[in-house]
Amino acid sequence: MLTQFIQDESGAITVDWIMLSAAAAGMGLAIDQLVSGGVENMVGAITHQLSDPDIAAAFANSSGDFGEFQPEELAMTDFANGAAGWSGGNVMNISGFGDLMVLGAGQSTSFSTIVPSGASSVTFTFDLIGGDSIDDETAVFSINGQTIFSAQKPYQGQMSINDSNVAGVTVEASNIAQSSHLGGNQAFKDTITRMTVTIENPSPELVLQAQSNTNQSIGDEFYGIDNFTLMAN
């Protein structure tokens, strides 16, 4: 009888399939009710952990896509160990000033940098030196080929700064020393002006260029750059 039952192919297969499908569907609904609450709790816990400030800051530092950008120093030099990142000009030790990036007659220098993703601004800070017998010749500074300011040192007196008023660029100047002998040729007066240039919404790559329009040798007159820093904000 058992053998006959096993070999028997007759019967209502549709009824059997409906019953099995209904049982499987019922089991699926029961499992959904059982695990959905736990899954929701786990999602909430993960969301809370990922929103932790330390984790958000870590993501911001690496990609700039999440959280607030953390200020980053991109460059700092007093030229005592050369001029990494700079092109042109002369790194020289001038008596009374120490090591400087020095520009003689008609010379120029430039500094290139890549701006980190997520930075909303960059700030260049440096000391601009007008040395020796400059008599109203200028130094012109530009970013990516656009003039942002020019400096003019009279034979006697304080250096003047002519802001080009470029949109998104803020130029600030602070006198450190004026019309006094600081170094170089003892027969002449020198000036030092602290320059701070902030660029909002900067391009991914920036090139700062300085052009000297002096017309005598460095032994007679020069423009110099010292204590250079660059920050991404």
Protein backbone atom coordinates (compact mmCIF):
# COMPACT_ATOMS: atom_id res chain seq x y z
CA MET A 1 0.00 0.00 0.00
CA LEU A 2 2.84 2.44 0.86
CA THR A 3 4.59 1.73 -2.42
CA GLN A 4 1.36 2.31 -4.32
CA PHE A 5 0.78 5.63 -2.48
CA ILE A 6 4.25 6.88 -3.27
CA GLN A 7 3.94 5.99 -6.94
CA ASP A 8 0.45 7.43 -7.26
CA GLU A 9 0.56 10.58 -9.45
CA SER A 10 -3.10 11.46 -9.23
CA GLY A 11 -4.46 14.24 -6.99
CA ALA A 12 -5.28 17.96 -6.88
CA ILE A 13 -1.81 19.58 -7.14
CA THR A 14 -3.34 23.07 -7.34
CA VAL A 15 -4.86 22.73 -3.91
CA ASP A 16 -1.55 21.57 -2.44
CA TRP A 17 0.36 24.49 -4.05
CA ILE A 18 -2.14 27.06 -2.76
CA MET A 19 -1.79 25.73 0.76
CA LEU A 20 2.02 25.76 0.60
CA SER A 21 2.10 29.31 -0.85
CA ALA A 22 -0.26 30.56 1.83
CA ALA A 23 1.92 29.01 4.53
CA ALA A 24 5.07 30.59 3.06
CA ALA A 25 3.39 34.02 2.81
CA GLY A 26 2.16 33.78 6.38
CA MET A 27 5.63 32.87 7.61
CA GLY A 28 7.13 35.84 5.73
CA LEU A 29 4.68 38.25 7.33
CA ALA A 30 5.44 36.84 10.76
CA ILE A 31 9.20 37.22 10.22
CA ASP A 32 8.72 40.83 8.99
CA GLN A 33 6.85 41.74 12.16
CA LEU A 34 9.54 40.03 14.24
CA VAL A 35 12.64 41.72 12.76
CA SER A 36 11.37 45.14 11.56
CA GLY A 37 11.51 46.70 15.01
CA GLY A 38 15.10 45.54 15.56
CA VAL A 39 16.19 46.82 12.14
CA GLU A 40 14.68 50.24 12.83
CA ASN A 41 16.51 50.41 16.16
CA MET A 42 19.80 49.47 14.48
CA VAL A 43 19.34 52.13 11.76
CA GLY A 44 18.72 54.74 14.42
CA ALA A 45 21.86 53.72 16.32
CA ILE A 46 24.02 53.83 13.18
CA THR A 47 22.64 57.26 12.20
CA HIS A 48 23.43 58.60 15.66
CA GLN A 49 27.01 57.31 15.55
CA LEU A 50 27.69 58.68 12.05
CA SER A 51 26.42 62.13 13.07
CA ASP A 52 28.96 62.32 15.91
CA PRO A 53 31.04 65.55 15.46
CA ASP A 54 34.36 63.71 15.50
CA ILE A 55 33.29 61.38 12.70
CA ALA A 56 31.78 64.26 10.69
CA ALA A 57 35.03 66.23 11.02
CA ALA A 58 37.05 63.23 9.89
CA PHE A 59 34.94 62.96 6.73
CA ALA A 60 35.24 66.70 6.12
CA ASN A 61 39.05 66.61 6.38
CA SER A 62 39.39 63.77 3.89
CA SER A 63 36.82 64.71 1.26
CA GLY A 64 35.25 68.04 2.17
CA ASP A 65 31.81 66.62 1.44
CA PHE A 66 30.49 66.43 5.00
CA GLY A 67 30.64 68.76 7.96
CA GLU A 68 32.51 72.05 8.28
CA PHE A 69 35.90 72.51 6.59
CA GLN A 70 38.77 72.63 9.06
CA PRO A 71 41.36 75.41 8.47
CA GLU A 72 44.56 74.06 6.95
CA GLU A 73 48.02 75.61 6.62
CA LEU A 74 49.19 75.12 3.04
CA ALA A 75 52.54 76.91 3.23
CA MET A 76 54.81 78.74 5.66
CA THR A 77 58.35 79.93 5.05
CA ASP A 78 60.86 82.59 6.08
CA PHE A 79 63.08 81.48 3.15
CA ALA A 80 65.84 80.30 5.51
CA ASN A 81 65.64 76.85 3.89
CA GLY A 82 65.08 77.87 0.30
CA ALA A 83 61.85 78.59 -1.55
CA ALA A 84 59.88 75.39 -2.10
CA GLY A 85 56.89 76.03 -4.38
CA TRP A 86 58.32 79.31 -5.68
CA SER A 87 59.61 80.06 -9.17
CA GLY A 88 61.86 82.98 -10.13
CA GLY A 89 63.28 85.69 -7.92
CA ASN A 90 66.35 85.39 -5.68
CA VAL A 91 66.55 83.89 -2.21
CA MET A 92 69.22 86.04 -0.58
CA ASN A 93 70.55 86.86 2.86
CA ILE A 94 70.56 90.64 3.17
CA SER A 95 72.25 92.26 6.13
CA GLY A 96 69.68 93.42 8.66
CA PHE A 97 66.84 91.43 7.08
CA GLY A 98 68.14 87.86 6.94
CA ASP A 99 66.86 85.50 4.26
CA LEU A 100 64.34 87.00 1.82
CA MET A 101 62.76 86.37 -1.54
CA VAL A 102 64.37 89.33 -3.33
CA LEU A 103 63.25 90.96 -6.58
CA GLY A 104 65.68 93.14 -8.49
CA ALA A 105 65.14 95.29 -11.56
CA GLY A 106 62.32 93.87 -13.71
CA GLN A 107 62.31 90.52 -11.91
CA SER A 108 59.27 88.46 -10.93
CA THR A 109 58.51 85.48 -8.73
CA SER A 110 55.45 83.24 -8.38
CA PHE A 111 54.03 80.73 -5.92
CA SER A 112 51.58 78.00 -6.98
CA THR A 113 49.24 76.00 -4.77
CA ILE A 114 46.32 73.57 -5.02
CA VAL A 115 43.31 74.60 -2.92
CA PRO A 116 41.80 71.73 -0.88
CA SER A 117 38.25 70.72 -1.75
CA GLY A 118 35.74 72.33 0.60
CA ALA A 119 37.78 75.48 1.36
CA SER A 120 35.64 78.63 1.10
CA SER A 121 38.61 81.02 1.14
CA VAL A 122 42.40 81.24 1.24
CA THR A 123 44.56 83.85 2.97
CA PHE A 124 48.08 84.89 1.98
CA THR A 125 50.10 86.75 4.63
CA PHE A 126 53.60 88.12 4.10
CA ASP A 127 55.94 91.01 4.89
CA LEU A 128 56.61 93.23 1.88
CA ILE A 129 59.95 95.04 2.11
CA GLY A 130 60.89 98.13 0.14
CA GLY A 131 64.67 98.24 0.32
CA ASP A 132 67.20 101.02 -0.15
CA SER A 133 66.92 103.68 -2.87
CA ILE A 134 63.55 102.84 -4.45
CA ASP A 135 62.13 106.15 -5.63
CA ASP A 136 58.48 105.53 -6.55
CA GLU A 137 59.04 102.37 -8.61
CA THR A 138 56.32 99.80 -7.99
CA ALA A 139 55.84 96.12 -7.22
CA VAL A 140 52.70 94.56 -8.72
CA PHE A 141 50.97 91.51 -7.26
CA SER A 142 48.49 89.32 -9.14
CA ILE A 143 46.44 86.14 -8.66
CA ASN A 144 46.05 83.86 -11.69
CA GLY A 145 47.14 86.73 -13.92
CA GLN A 146 44.77 89.37 -12.46
CA THR A 147 46.35 92.31 -10.63
CA ILE A 148 45.10 92.54 -7.04
CA PHE A 149 47.30 95.36 -5.72
CA SER A 150 50.44 97.36 -6.38
CA ALA A 151 52.94 98.77 -3.91
CA GLN A 152 54.92 102.00 -4.31
CA LYS A 153 57.78 103.11 -2.11
CA PRO A 154 58.91 106.73 -2.25
CA TYR A 155 62.55 107.65 -1.76
CA GLN A 156 61.64 108.78 1.76
CA GLY A 157 58.41 107.89 3.59
CA GLN A 158 56.03 104.96 3.89
CA MET A 159 55.14 102.50 1.18
CA SER A 160 51.65 103.03 -0.28
CA ILE A 161 49.32 100.20 -1.36
CA ASN A 162 46.96 100.60 -4.32
CA ASP A 163 44.12 98.06 -3.99
CA SER A 164 42.68 96.98 -7.36
CA ASN A 165 39.32 96.24 -5.68
CA VAL A 166 38.89 92.86 -7.36
CA ALA A 167 35.57 91.22 -6.46
CA GLY A 168 36.03 88.52 -3.84
CA VAL A 169 39.55 89.68 -2.91
CA THR A 170 40.28 91.61 0.30
CA VAL A 171 43.65 93.38 0.62
CA GLU A 172 44.84 94.64 4.01
CA ALA A 173 48.10 96.45 4.75
CA SER A 174 49.70 97.20 8.12
CA ASN A 175 52.86 99.30 8.54
CA ILE A 176 55.60 97.57 10.54
CA ALA A 177 58.48 99.93 9.83
CA GLN A 178 58.73 103.07 7.74
CA SER A 179 61.47 105.35 6.51
CA SER A 180 64.21 103.92 8.71
CA HIS A 181 67.41 102.09 7.94
CA LEU A 182 66.86 98.38 8.58
CA GLY A 183 69.36 96.66 6.33
CA GLY A 184 71.09 96.62 2.98
CA ASN A 185 72.77 99.85 1.93
CA GLN A 186 73.25 102.04 5.02
CA ALA A 187 72.76 105.23 3.03
CA PHE A 188 69.07 104.57 2.38
CA LYS A 189 65.78 104.10 4.25
CA ASP A 190 63.64 100.97 4.17
CA THR A 191 60.01 100.06 4.81
CA ILE A 192 58.18 96.88 5.89
CA THR A 193 54.45 96.42 5.33
CA ARG A 194 52.51 93.37 6.52
CA MET A 195 50.18 92.27 3.71
CA THR A 196 47.10 90.08 4.19
CA VAL A 197 45.21 88.98 1.08
CA THR A 198 42.02 86.91 1.40
CA ILE A 199 40.38 85.30 -1.63
CA GLU A 200 36.78 84.09 -1.34
CA ASN A 201 35.57 81.07 -3.33
CA PRO A 202 39.05 80.43 -4.74
CA SER A 203 39.84 78.53 -7.91
CA PRO A 204 41.12 74.94 -7.47
CA GLU A 205 44.62 76.20 -8.36
CA LEU A 206 46.07 79.58 -7.44
CA VAL A 207 49.21 81.31 -8.67
CA LEU A 208 50.44 84.36 -6.74
CA GLN A 209 52.87 86.47 -8.77
CA ALA A 210 54.97 89.48 -7.77
CA GLN A 211 56.64 91.73 -10.36
CA SER A 212 59.25 94.37 -9.46
CA ASN A 213 59.52 97.49 -11.58
CA THR A 214 62.71 98.78 -9.99
CA ASN A 215 65.40 99.90 -12.44
CA GLN A 216 68.68 99.55 -10.54
CA SER A 217 70.72 96.64 -9.21
CA ILE A 218 69.71 94.78 -6.04
CA GLY A 219 72.68 96.45 -4.30
CA ASP A 220 70.91 99.80 -4.80
CA GLU A 221 67.21 98.91 -4.47
CA PHE A 222 64.95 95.91 -4.20
CA TYR A 223 61.55 94.61 -3.18
CA GLY A 224 61.54 91.66 -0.80
CA ILE A 225 59.08 89.10 0.59
CA ASP A 226 59.46 87.50 4.02
CA ASN A 227 57.48 85.46 6.59
CA PHE A 228 55.09 84.03 4.00
CA THR A 229 52.10 81.93 5.09
CA LEU A 230 49.10 80.53 3.21
CA MET A 231 45.96 79.25 4.94
CA ALA A 232 42.90 77.50 3.52
CA ASN A 233 39.74 78.32 5.44
